[in-house]
Amino acid sequence: MAGLVQRTARSIDDMWRSIWDDSSRGEKLVIAAFLLVTGLAIPVIPIVYLARFIAN
């Protein structure tokens, strides 16, 4: 079970890095604005940081 949680967290972390790290400043602003406008920033950001913590 712990392996499943860690693999899932690693997948979330990899996905976030591929989206965020490869984006230009303008794309990051669009992504951030979309998350804030839709209200997804509240659940997404803590999940990503928790996944990053578990993956490492």
Protein backbone atom coordinates (compact mmCIF):
# COMPACT_ATOMS: atom_id res chain seq x y z
CA MET A 1 0.00 0.00 0.00
CA ALA A 2 2.84 2.40 0.84
CA GLY A 3 4.38 1.69 -2.55
CA LEU A 4 1.12 2.57 -4.28
CA VAL A 5 0.88 5.86 -2.40
CA GLN A 6 4.49 6.72 -3.24
CA ARG A 7 4.06 5.84 -6.95
CA THR A 8 0.89 7.94 -7.11
CA ALA A 9 2.64 10.84 -5.41
CA ARG A 10 5.60 10.52 -7.78
CA SER A 11 3.22 10.56 -10.77
CA ILE A 12 1.49 13.70 -9.50
CA ASP A 13 4.86 15.34 -8.90
CA ASP A 14 6.11 14.40 -12.38
CA MET A 15 2.93 15.71 -13.98
CA TRP A 16 3.13 19.00 -12.09
CA ARG A 17 6.80 19.47 -12.99
CA SER A 18 6.15 18.74 -16.66
CA ILE A 19 3.38 21.33 -16.72
CA TRP A 20 4.92 23.98 -14.50
CA ASP A 21 8.68 23.76 -15.15
CA ASP A 22 8.38 23.63 -18.95
CA SER A 23 6.02 26.61 -19.14
CA SER A 24 6.91 30.18 -19.99
CA ARG A 25 6.05 33.01 -17.62
CA GLY A 26 2.92 33.86 -19.61
CA GLU A 27 1.72 30.26 -19.58
CA LYS A 28 2.29 30.10 -15.82
CA LEU A 29 0.17 33.24 -15.38
CA VAL A 30 -2.62 31.70 -17.45
CA ILE A 31 -2.47 28.45 -15.46
CA ALA A 32 -2.44 30.32 -12.14
CA ALA A 33 -5.33 32.56 -13.21
CA PHE A 34 -7.35 29.54 -14.36
CA LEU A 35 -6.78 27.76 -11.04
CA LEU A 36 -7.76 30.84 -9.05
CA VAL A 37 -10.85 31.67 -11.14
CA THR A 38 -12.18 28.12 -11.06
CA GLY A 39 -11.40 27.68 -7.37
CA LEU A 40 -9.13 24.74 -8.08
CA ALA A 41 -6.11 26.42 -6.49
CA ILE A 42 -7.45 25.56 -3.05
CA PRO A 43 -7.36 21.76 -3.50
CA VAL A 44 -4.66 21.47 -6.19
CA ILE A 45 -1.76 23.32 -4.59
CA PRO A 46 -1.77 21.45 -1.25
CA ILE A 47 -2.15 18.12 -3.07
CA VAL A 48 0.85 18.89 -5.26
CA TYR A 49 3.04 19.89 -2.31
CA LEU A 50 1.95 16.84 -0.33
CA ALA A 51 2.68 14.62 -3.32
CA ARG A 52 6.08 16.25 -3.76
CA PHE A 53 6.86 15.59 -0.07
CA ILE A 54 5.80 11.94 -0.29
CA ALA A 55 7.59 11.36 -3.60
CA ASN A 56 10.88 12.58 -2.21
